[in-house]
């Protein structure tokens, strides 16, 4: 199965499917959180397991083995429902939603609960890296107007990031040929909160996707200089 595949669906069909499966994913996301926090007894656990096994059998009636991949339709709509950060059908995804500001800053606010815990009461450092990598990659891609891939990602863990509401910000700090440098932070979503993690990433435009500015010449083609 290709990573990108065409689906003969209208955009209305895609919206309806997102609403249907997104509702189920919200239920599974809540279940994931409760599985961690619940203190019910053996009888309730056994009953819950029986219901979950029945639900799993229902969903398994038509579940292809291939990864979800990215799909698109004839109207330019694309969807990536399995993505671990933004996927509509991935219960591990918070999910992250990005806002593109007029000040060239890309922002996101999300709540990270029990499934994202690392140190007691704090977000796992790997989760912070995952979210920032996605945010910075989207920022480097300039709202999907160009293709970029992560070259290097450097993180500085300044202080623990408490579980709960957090906010992220990213901006392009430098561009040179096929190289795009992005800086970002993640912090608690409270007034005057200091960054908990600071990140710098180098993102690369693949050679085959690079179209240099005709006013500046072909800098970057065939090298990273």
C-alpha atoms as a PDB file:
ATOM      1  CA  UNK A   1       0.000   0.000   0.000  1.00  0.00           C
ATOM      2  CA  UNK A   2       1.338   3.415  -0.963  1.00  0.00           C
ATOM      3  CA  UNK A   3       1.887   5.992   1.752  1.00  0.00           C
ATOM      4  CA  UNK A   4      -0.282   8.358  -0.317  1.00  0.00           C
ATOM      5  CA  UNK A   5      -3.471   7.098  -1.916  1.00  0.00           C
ATOM      6  CA  UNK A   6      -6.379   8.589  -3.823  1.00  0.00           C
ATOM      7  CA  UNK A   7      -9.867   8.055  -2.444  1.00  0.00           C
ATOM      8  CA  UNK A   8     -12.955   8.644  -4.577  1.00  0.00           C
ATOM      9  CA  UNK A   9     -14.802  10.546  -1.843  1.00  0.00           C
ATOM     10  CA  UNK A  10     -16.393  13.953  -1.749  1.00  0.00           C
ATOM     11  CA  UNK A  11     -15.219  16.407   0.881  1.00  0.00           C
ATOM     12  CA  UNK A  12     -18.640  16.043   2.521  1.00  0.00           C
ATOM     13  CA  UNK A  13     -18.034  12.284   2.766  1.00  0.00           C
ATOM     14  CA  UNK A  14     -14.664  12.915   4.413  1.00  0.00           C
ATOM     15  CA  UNK A  15     -16.175  15.366   6.900  1.00  0.00           C
ATOM     16  CA  UNK A  16     -18.887  12.845   7.805  1.00  0.00           C
ATOM     17  CA  UNK A  17     -16.324  10.072   8.283  1.00  0.00           C
ATOM     18  CA  UNK A  18     -14.196  12.339  10.484  1.00  0.00           C
ATOM     19  CA  UNK A  19     -17.211  13.113  12.662  1.00  0.00           C
ATOM     20  CA  UNK A  20     -18.119   9.423  12.948  1.00  0.00           C
ATOM     21  CA  UNK A  21     -14.654   8.061  13.685  1.00  0.00           C
ATOM     22  CA  UNK A  22     -13.592  11.135  15.622  1.00  0.00           C
ATOM     23  CA  UNK A  23     -16.417  10.479  18.065  1.00  0.00           C
ATOM     24  CA  UNK A  24     -15.254   6.900  18.558  1.00  0.00           C
ATOM     25  CA  UNK A  25     -11.665   8.093  19.010  1.00  0.00           C
ATOM     26  CA  UNK A  26     -12.779  10.559  21.702  1.00  0.00           C
ATOM     27  CA  UNK A  27     -14.402   7.634  23.524  1.00  0.00           C
ATOM     28  CA  UNK A  28     -11.214   5.560  23.270  1.00  0.00           C
ATOM     29  CA  UNK A  29      -9.135   8.558  24.370  1.00  0.00           C
ATOM     30  CA  UNK A  30     -11.313   8.887  27.503  1.00  0.00           C
ATOM     31  CA  UNK A  31     -11.027   5.145  28.075  1.00  0.00           C
ATOM     32  CA  UNK A  32      -7.235   5.365  27.823  1.00  0.00           C
ATOM     33  CA  UNK A  33      -7.180   8.052  30.488  1.00  0.00           C
ATOM     34  CA  UNK A  34      -9.583   6.167  32.779  1.00  0.00           C
ATOM     35  CA  UNK A  35      -7.651   2.903  32.408  1.00  0.00           C
ATOM     36  CA  UNK A  36      -4.719   4.686  34.032  1.00  0.00           C
ATOM     37  CA  UNK A  37      -6.635   6.495  36.781  1.00  0.00           C
ATOM     38  CA  UNK A  38      -9.509   4.180  37.702  1.00  0.00           C
ATOM     39  CA  UNK A  39      -9.648   2.374  41.077  1.00  0.00           C
ATOM     40  CA  UNK A  40     -12.675   0.136  40.490  1.00  0.00           C
ATOM     41  CA  UNK A  41     -12.651  -3.450  41.694  1.00  0.00           C
ATOM     42  CA  UNK A  42     -12.088  -6.786  39.908  1.00  0.00           C
ATOM     43  CA  UNK A  43     -15.739  -7.226  38.932  1.00  0.00           C
ATOM     44  CA  UNK A  44     -15.889  -3.890  37.131  1.00  0.00           C
ATOM     45  CA  UNK A  45     -12.535  -4.544  35.441  1.00  0.00           C
ATOM     46  CA  UNK A  46     -13.729  -7.958  34.204  1.00  0.00           C
ATOM     47  CA  UNK A  47     -16.961  -6.461  32.882  1.00  0.00           C
ATOM     48  CA  UNK A  48     -15.081  -3.642  31.154  1.00  0.00           C
ATOM     49  CA  UNK A  49     -12.735  -6.135  29.516  1.00  0.00           C
ATOM     50  CA  UNK A  50     -15.651  -8.202  28.201  1.00  0.00           C
ATOM     51  CA  UNK A  51     -17.250  -5.110  26.648  1.00  0.00           C
ATOM     52  CA  UNK A  52     -13.940  -4.012  25.143  1.00  0.00           C
ATOM     53  CA  UNK A  53     -13.354  -7.439  23.641  1.00  0.00           C
ATOM     54  CA  UNK A  54     -16.808  -7.285  22.054  1.00  0.00           C
ATOM     55  CA  UNK A  55     -16.040  -3.814  20.661  1.00  0.00           C
ATOM     56  CA  UNK A  56     -12.672  -4.987  19.328  1.00  0.00           C
ATOM     57  CA  UNK A  57     -14.317  -7.945  17.575  1.00  0.00           C
ATOM     58  CA  UNK A  58     -16.809  -5.576  15.909  1.00  0.00           C
ATOM     59  CA  UNK A  59     -14.061  -3.276  14.627  1.00  0.00           C
ATOM     60  CA  UNK A  60     -11.896  -6.215  13.516  1.00  0.00           C
ATOM     61  CA  UNK A  61     -14.548  -7.298  10.997  1.00  0.00           C
ATOM     62  CA  UNK A  62     -12.967  -4.915   8.477  1.00  0.00           C
ATOM     63  CA  UNK A  63      -9.508  -3.753   9.544  1.00  0.00           C
ATOM     64  CA  UNK A  64      -6.790  -3.844   6.845  1.00  0.00           C
ATOM     65  CA  UNK A  65      -3.318  -4.669   8.126  1.00  0.00           C
ATOM     66  CA  UNK A  66      -1.605  -1.751   6.359  1.00  0.00           C
ATOM     67  CA  UNK A  67      -0.757   1.535   8.113  1.00  0.00           C
ATOM     68  CA  UNK A  68      -3.295   4.314   7.659  1.00  0.00           C
ATOM     69  CA  UNK A  69      -1.093   6.493   5.450  1.00  0.00           C
ATOM     70  CA  UNK A  70      -2.189   9.763   3.863  1.00  0.00           C
ATOM     71  CA  UNK A  71      -5.236   9.979   1.614  1.00  0.00           C
ATOM     72  CA  UNK A  72      -6.549  12.671  -0.721  1.00  0.00           C
ATOM     73  CA  UNK A  73      -9.550  13.268  -2.947  1.00  0.00           C
ATOM     74  CA  UNK A  74     -10.160  14.990  -6.266  1.00  0.00           C
ATOM     75  CA  UNK A  75     -11.043  18.265  -4.530  1.00  0.00           C
ATOM     76  CA  UNK A  76      -7.637  18.771  -2.885  1.00  0.00           C
ATOM     77  CA  UNK A  77      -8.695  17.538   0.545  1.00  0.00           C
ATOM     78  CA  UNK A  78      -6.143  15.327   2.313  1.00  0.00           C
ATOM     79  CA  UNK A  79      -6.298  13.462   5.598  1.00  0.00           C
ATOM     80  CA  UNK A  80      -3.858  11.602   7.823  1.00  0.00           C
ATOM     81  CA  UNK A  81      -6.095   9.991  10.427  1.00  0.00           C
ATOM     82  CA  UNK A  82      -3.469   7.673  11.887  1.00  0.00           C
ATOM     83  CA  UNK A  83      -0.893  10.360  12.696  1.00  0.00           C
ATOM     84  CA  UNK A  84       0.342  10.059  16.275  1.00  0.00           C
ATOM     85  CA  UNK A  85       0.132  13.831  16.886  1.00  0.00           C
ATOM     86  CA  UNK A  86      -2.866  15.048  14.877  1.00  0.00           C
ATOM     87  CA  UNK A  87      -4.668  11.879  13.753  1.00  0.00           C
ATOM     88  CA  UNK A  88      -8.464  12.040  13.990  1.00  0.00           C
ATOM     89  CA  UNK A  89      -8.564   8.253  14.517  1.00  0.00           C
ATOM     90  CA  UNK A  90      -5.529   7.945  16.789  1.00  0.00           C
ATOM     91  CA  UNK A  91      -6.534   8.005  20.460  1.00  0.00           C
ATOM     92  CA  UNK A  92      -2.953   8.684  21.559  1.00  0.00           C
ATOM     93  CA  UNK A  93      -2.939  11.956  19.610  1.00  0.00           C
ATOM     94  CA  UNK A  94      -3.980  14.766  22.025  1.00  0.00           C
ATOM     95  CA  UNK A  95      -4.873  15.867  19.212  1.00  0.00           C
ATOM     96  CA  UNK A  96      -2.772  18.913  18.269  1.00  0.00           C
ATOM     97  CA  UNK A  97      -4.403  21.706  16.248  1.00  0.00           C
ATOM     98  CA  UNK A  98      -2.229  24.487  14.832  1.00  0.00           C
ATOM     99  CA  UNK A  99      -3.015  28.194  14.489  1.00  0.00           C
ATOM    100  CA  UNK A 100      -1.021  30.315  12.020  1.00  0.00           C
ATOM    101  CA  UNK A 101      -0.606  33.857  13.309  1.00  0.00           C
ATOM    102  CA  UNK A 102      -0.176  37.065  11.357  1.00  0.00           C
ATOM    103  CA  UNK A 103       3.076  37.554  13.311  1.00  0.00           C
ATOM    104  CA  UNK A 104       4.623  34.463  11.620  1.00  0.00           C
ATOM    105  CA  UNK A 105       4.310  32.440  14.828  1.00  0.00           C
ATOM    106  CA  UNK A 106       2.603  29.044  14.729  1.00  0.00           C
ATOM    107  CA  UNK A 107       0.798  28.228  17.970  1.00  0.00           C
ATOM    108  CA  UNK A 108      -1.023  25.330  19.551  1.00  0.00           C
ATOM    109  CA  UNK A 109      -2.762  24.779  22.878  1.00  0.00           C
ATOM    110  CA  UNK A 110      -3.498  21.249  24.063  1.00  0.00           C
ATOM    111  CA  UNK A 111      -4.167  19.352  27.276  1.00  0.00           C
ATOM    112  CA  UNK A 112      -1.770  16.529  28.166  1.00  0.00           C
ATOM    113  CA  UNK A 113      -3.263  14.214  30.771  1.00  0.00           C
ATOM    114  CA  UNK A 114      -2.369  10.897  32.381  1.00  0.00           C
ATOM    115  CA  UNK A 115      -1.395   9.013  29.168  1.00  0.00           C
ATOM    116  CA  UNK A 116       1.491  11.437  28.611  1.00  0.00           C
ATOM    117  CA  UNK A 117       3.122  11.218  32.049  1.00  0.00           C
ATOM    118  CA  UNK A 118       6.842  10.669  32.470  1.00  0.00           C
ATOM    119  CA  UNK A 119       8.226  11.908  35.800  1.00  0.00           C
ATOM    120  CA  UNK A 120       5.419  11.959  38.395  1.00  0.00           C
ATOM    121  CA  UNK A 121       2.978  14.716  37.530  1.00  0.00           C
ATOM    122  CA  UNK A 122       4.996  15.851  34.523  1.00  0.00           C
ATOM    123  CA  UNK A 123       4.873  15.325  30.773  1.00  0.00           C
ATOM    124  CA  UNK A 124       7.323  12.732  29.424  1.00  0.00           C
ATOM    125  CA  UNK A 125      10.282  14.425  27.744  1.00  0.00           C
ATOM    126  CA  UNK A 126       9.817  12.258  24.666  1.00  0.00           C
ATOM    127  CA  UNK A 127       6.232  13.477  24.314  1.00  0.00           C
ATOM    128  CA  UNK A 128       7.434  17.087  24.388  1.00  0.00           C
ATOM    129  CA  UNK A 129       9.962  16.230  21.674  1.00  0.00           C
ATOM    130  CA  UNK A 130       7.282  14.498  19.584  1.00  0.00           C
ATOM    131  CA  UNK A 131       4.899  17.448  19.728  1.00  0.00           C
ATOM    132  CA  UNK A 132       7.598  20.034  19.094  1.00  0.00           C
ATOM    133  CA  UNK A 133       8.992  18.071  16.143  1.00  0.00           C
ATOM    134  CA  UNK A 134       5.555  18.055  14.537  1.00  0.00           C
ATOM    135  CA  UNK A 135       4.900  21.731  15.272  1.00  0.00           C
ATOM    136  CA  UNK A 136       8.311  22.748  13.933  1.00  0.00           C
ATOM    137  CA  UNK A 137       7.998  20.601  10.832  1.00  0.00           C
ATOM    138  CA  UNK A 138       4.658  22.192  10.001  1.00  0.00           C
ATOM    139  CA  UNK A 139       6.189  25.614  10.620  1.00  0.00           C
ATOM    140  CA  UNK A 140       9.111  24.852   8.302  1.00  0.00           C
ATOM    141  CA  UNK A 141       6.709  23.705   5.610  1.00  0.00           C
ATOM    142  CA  UNK A 142       5.132  27.200   5.569  1.00  0.00           C
ATOM    143  CA  UNK A 143       1.537  25.990   5.818  1.00  0.00           C
ATOM    144  CA  UNK A 144       2.161  23.128   3.383  1.00  0.00           C
ATOM    145  CA  UNK A 145       3.478  25.372   0.618  1.00  0.00           C
ATOM    146  CA  UNK A 146       6.725  23.368   0.551  1.00  0.00           C
ATOM    147  CA  UNK A 147       7.960  19.958   1.634  1.00  0.00           C
ATOM    148  CA  UNK A 148      10.487  19.699   4.459  1.00  0.00           C
ATOM    149  CA  UNK A 149      11.904  16.821   6.505  1.00  0.00           C
ATOM    150  CA  UNK A 150      13.594  16.915   9.908  1.00  0.00           C
ATOM    151  CA  UNK A 151      17.390  17.060   9.691  1.00  0.00           C
ATOM    152  CA  UNK A 152      18.327  17.654  13.305  1.00  0.00           C
ATOM    153  CA  UNK A 153      16.324  18.485  16.417  1.00  0.00           C
ATOM    154  CA  UNK A 154      18.006  19.882  19.532  1.00  0.00           C
ATOM    155  CA  UNK A 155      16.062  20.246  22.770  1.00  0.00           C
ATOM    156  CA  UNK A 156      16.929  21.919  26.037  1.00  0.00           C
ATOM    157  CA  UNK A 157      14.854  20.719  28.986  1.00  0.00           C
ATOM    158  CA  UNK A 158      14.748  23.800  31.201  1.00  0.00           C
ATOM    159  CA  UNK A 159      12.260  22.630  33.844  1.00  0.00           C
ATOM    160  CA  UNK A 160       9.567  19.959  34.300  1.00  0.00           C
ATOM    161  CA  UNK A 161       6.406  20.472  32.246  1.00  0.00           C
ATOM    162  CA  UNK A 162       3.368  19.772  34.463  1.00  0.00           C
ATOM    163  CA  UNK A 163       0.560  17.630  33.103  1.00  0.00           C
ATOM    164  CA  UNK A 164      -2.471  19.660  32.063  1.00  0.00           C
ATOM    165  CA  UNK A 165      -2.971  22.513  29.588  1.00  0.00           C
ATOM    166  CA  UNK A 166       0.172  23.454  27.666  1.00  0.00           C
ATOM    167  CA  UNK A 167       0.922  25.811  24.815  1.00  0.00           C
ATOM    168  CA  UNK A 168       3.533  25.684  22.081  1.00  0.00           C
ATOM    169  CA  UNK A 169       4.959  28.307  19.753  1.00  0.00           C
ATOM    170  CA  UNK A 170       7.310  28.043  16.774  1.00  0.00           C
ATOM    171  CA  UNK A 171       8.759  30.348  14.144  1.00  0.00           C
ATOM    172  CA  UNK A 172      11.215  30.183  11.263  1.00  0.00           C
ATOM    173  CA  UNK A 173      14.397  31.875  12.455  1.00  0.00           C
ATOM    174  CA  UNK A 174      16.572  31.405   9.363  1.00  0.00           C
ATOM    175  CA  UNK A 175      16.398  30.182   5.768  1.00  0.00           C
ATOM    176  CA  UNK A 176      19.294  29.380   3.465  1.00  0.00           C
ATOM    177  CA  UNK A 177      18.791  27.430   0.267  1.00  0.00           C
ATOM    178  CA  UNK A 178      17.257  24.096   1.198  1.00  0.00           C
ATOM    179  CA  UNK A 179      17.863  24.630   4.919  1.00  0.00           C
ATOM    180  CA  UNK A 180      15.143  26.012   7.195  1.00  0.00           C
ATOM    181  CA  UNK A 181      15.889  26.646  10.880  1.00  0.00           C
ATOM    182  CA  UNK A 182      12.965  26.731  13.302  1.00  0.00           C
ATOM    183  CA  UNK A 183      12.894  27.607  17.008  1.00  0.00           C
ATOM    184  CA  UNK A 184      10.108  26.588  19.375  1.00  0.00           C
ATOM    185  CA  UNK A 185       9.016  26.350  22.998  1.00  0.00           C
ATOM    186  CA  UNK A 186       6.477  24.453  25.057  1.00  0.00           C
ATOM    187  CA  UNK A 187       5.253  25.697  28.447  1.00  0.00           C
ATOM    188  CA  UNK A 188       2.296  25.425  30.853  1.00  0.00           C
ATOM    189  CA  UNK A 189      -0.727  27.299  29.543  1.00  0.00           C
ATOM    190  CA  UNK A 190      -0.882  29.744  32.438  1.00  0.00           C
ATOM    191  CA  UNK A 191      -0.141  33.454  32.643  1.00  0.00           C
ATOM    192  CA  UNK A 192       3.580  34.345  32.700  1.00  0.00           C
ATOM    193  CA  UNK A 193       4.689  30.702  32.484  1.00  0.00           C
ATOM    194  CA  UNK A 194       8.330  30.222  31.497  1.00  0.00           C
ATOM    195  CA  UNK A 195       9.289  27.703  28.787  1.00  0.00           C
ATOM    196  CA  UNK A 196       9.765  24.160  30.022  1.00  0.00           C
ATOM    197  CA  UNK A 197      11.425  22.959  26.811  1.00  0.00           C
ATOM    198  CA  UNK A 198      13.245  25.024  24.182  1.00  0.00           C
ATOM    199  CA  UNK A 199      13.985  23.545  20.779  1.00  0.00           C
ATOM    200  CA  UNK A 200      15.916  24.336  17.616  1.00  0.00           C
ATOM    201  CA  UNK A 201      15.456  22.280  14.493  1.00  0.00           C
ATOM    202  CA  UNK A 202      17.069  22.133  11.081  1.00  0.00           C
ATOM    203  CA  UNK A 203      14.629  21.111   8.363  1.00  0.00           C
ATOM    204  CA  UNK A 204      15.640  20.201   4.844  1.00  0.00           C
ATOM    205  CA  UNK A 205      13.790  20.684   1.574  1.00  0.00           C
ATOM    206  CA  UNK A 206      14.533  17.569  -0.532  1.00  0.00           C
ATOM    207  CA  UNK A 207      16.481  18.251  -3.735  1.00  0.00           C
ATOM    208  CA  UNK A 208      13.654  17.026  -5.943  1.00  0.00           C
ATOM    209  CA  UNK A 209      11.185  19.361  -4.210  1.00  0.00           C
ATOM    210  CA  UNK A 210      13.383  22.461  -4.138  1.00  0.00           C
ATOM    211  CA  UNK A 211      12.433  25.368  -6.398  1.00  0.00           C
ATOM    212  CA  UNK A 212      14.869  28.230  -5.814  1.00  0.00           C
ATOM    213  CA  UNK A 213      13.793  31.844  -5.962  1.00  0.00           C
ATOM    214  CA  UNK A 214      14.634  33.091  -9.488  1.00  0.00           C
ATOM    215  CA  UNK A 215      15.866  36.350  -7.970  1.00  0.00           C
ATOM    216  CA  UNK A 216      18.446  34.639  -5.758  1.00  0.00           C
ATOM    217  CA  UNK A 217      19.622  31.816  -8.028  1.00  0.00           C
ATOM    218  CA  UNK A 218      19.856  28.038  -7.486  1.00  0.00           C
ATOM    219  CA  UNK A 219      21.510  28.177  -4.046  1.00  0.00           C
ATOM    220  CA  UNK A 220      20.986  24.868  -2.316  1.00  0.00           C
ATOM    221  CA  UNK A 221      20.483  22.591  -5.298  1.00  0.00           C
ATOM    222  CA  UNK A 222      22.846  19.643  -5.041  1.00  0.00           C
ATOM    223  CA  UNK A 223      24.163  20.611  -1.640  1.00  0.00           C
ATOM    224  CA  UNK A 224      23.141  21.904   1.769  1.00  0.00           C
ATOM    225  CA  UNK A 225      25.104  25.136   1.335  1.00  0.00           C
END
